Amino acid sequence: MANKITSIEVIGSGCANCKKLHELAVEAVKELNFSVEVGYSNDIQKALAMGVMQFPVLAVDGKAVLTGATSDLEKVKKALNDQIGISGCCPCGGDCGCL
């Protein structure tokens, strides 16, 4: 299934939580078989322009979709899938674990 996401970026200060979210986003993209790279930015002003006051930020196509520290890969995958209208953990739309 082709996704409609053209850019994914983690915005943060470079702290451990920011780096962890970036690692999780990279892993989520890999597991979901998305063909987009995950960028990382220290540009806090970019996040503030999105109306975000909590870091790190996971942004998809320039829109904040997840804020704050997390160590939950499934939460990151859900945030990404929600952007393309898929519920569940995988492109099948359910929790089948096919990936």
Protein backbone atom coordinates (compact mmCIF):
# COMPACT_ATOMS: atom_id res chain seq x y z
CA MET A 1 0.00 0.00 0.00
CA ALA A 2 1.41 3.38 -0.96
CA ASN A 3 1.22 5.98 1.76
CA LYS A 4 0.43 9.64 1.25
CA ILE A 5 3.05 10.92 3.69
CA THR A 6 5.74 12.98 2.02
CA SER A 7 7.78 14.04 5.05
CA ILE A 8 8.31 12.94 8.63
CA GLU A 9 10.42 14.95 11.03
CA VAL A 10 11.25 14.90 14.70
CA ILE A 11 11.85 18.35 16.16
CA GLY A 12 13.66 18.65 19.46
CA SER A 13 16.59 20.01 21.37
CA GLY A 14 18.81 16.98 20.97
CA CYS A 15 18.04 15.57 24.42
CA ALA A 16 17.70 11.85 25.12
CA ASN A 17 13.90 11.96 24.74
CA CYS A 18 14.20 13.69 21.37
CA LYS A 19 16.74 11.16 20.14
CA LYS A 20 14.53 8.30 21.39
CA LEU A 21 11.50 9.62 19.48
CA HIS A 22 13.62 9.88 16.34
CA GLU A 23 14.79 6.27 16.76
CA LEU A 24 11.20 5.13 17.30
CA ALA A 25 10.00 7.05 14.25
CA VAL A 26 12.70 5.45 12.09
CA GLU A 27 11.73 2.01 13.39
CA ALA A 28 8.01 2.71 12.86
CA VAL A 29 8.59 3.80 9.25
CA LYS A 30 10.60 0.64 8.65
CA GLU A 31 7.97 -1.65 10.21
CA LEU A 32 5.12 0.08 8.37
CA ASN A 33 7.07 -0.17 5.11
CA PHE A 34 6.69 3.55 4.37
CA SER A 35 8.98 4.95 1.71
CA VAL A 36 9.92 8.18 3.44
CA GLU A 37 12.95 9.17 5.49
CA VAL A 38 12.66 10.52 9.00
CA GLY A 39 14.41 13.83 9.44
CA TYR A 40 15.58 15.48 12.63
CA SER A 41 15.63 19.19 13.37
CA ASN A 42 16.78 21.33 16.28
CA ASP A 43 14.68 24.23 14.94
CA ILE A 44 12.47 24.88 17.96
CA GLN A 45 10.98 27.92 16.20
CA LYS A 46 9.58 25.57 13.55
CA ALA A 47 7.70 23.64 16.23
CA LEU A 48 6.53 26.82 17.93
CA ALA A 49 5.12 27.97 14.58
CA MET A 50 3.03 24.77 14.61
CA GLY A 51 1.60 25.88 17.94
CA VAL A 52 3.51 23.26 19.90
CA MET A 53 4.86 23.98 23.36
CA GLN A 54 5.92 20.45 24.35
CA PHE A 55 8.95 18.63 22.97
CA PRO A 56 9.94 16.48 21.22
CA VAL A 57 7.55 16.80 18.29
CA LEU A 58 6.75 14.23 15.62
CA ALA A 59 5.63 16.14 12.54
CA VAL A 60 4.10 14.64 9.42
CA ASP A 61 3.92 16.82 6.32
CA GLY A 62 4.57 19.88 8.49
CA LYS A 63 1.85 19.09 11.03
CA ALA A 64 2.52 18.08 14.63
CA VAL A 65 0.99 14.64 15.22
CA LEU A 66 2.66 13.63 18.48
CA THR A 67 4.28 15.69 21.22
CA GLY A 68 6.18 14.85 24.35
CA ALA A 69 8.45 12.02 25.34
CA THR A 70 7.42 8.48 24.53
CA SER A 71 9.07 5.10 24.45
CA ASP A 72 6.04 3.38 22.91
CA LEU A 73 6.66 2.23 19.33
CA GLU A 74 2.99 1.31 18.84
CA LYS A 75 1.97 4.87 19.76
CA VAL A 76 4.31 6.27 17.10
CA LYS A 77 3.05 3.77 14.51
CA LYS A 78 -0.54 4.70 15.31
CA ALA A 79 0.23 8.41 14.95
CA LEU A 80 1.72 7.74 11.50
CA ASN A 81 -1.08 5.44 10.38
CA ASP A 82 -3.69 7.94 11.54
CA GLN A 83 -2.24 10.42 9.04
CA ILE A 84 -3.09 8.14 6.12
CA GLY A 85 -6.42 7.01 7.49
CA ILE A 86 -5.42 3.56 8.70
CA SER A 87 -6.43 2.39 12.14
CA GLY A 88 -4.51 -0.32 13.91
CA CYS A 89 -0.86 -1.25 13.72
CA CYS A 90 -0.38 -2.09 10.06
CA PRO A 91 -1.48 -1.30 6.51
CA CYS A 92 -4.09 -4.05 6.79
CA GLY A 93 -5.94 -1.71 9.16
CA GLY A 94 -6.05 -4.12 12.06
CA ASP A 95 -3.85 -5.60 14.72
CA CYS A 96 -3.02 -8.69 12.69
CA GLY A 97 0.74 -8.34 13.11
CA CYS A 98 1.43 -9.07 9.44
CA LEU A 99 4.48 -6.84 9.28
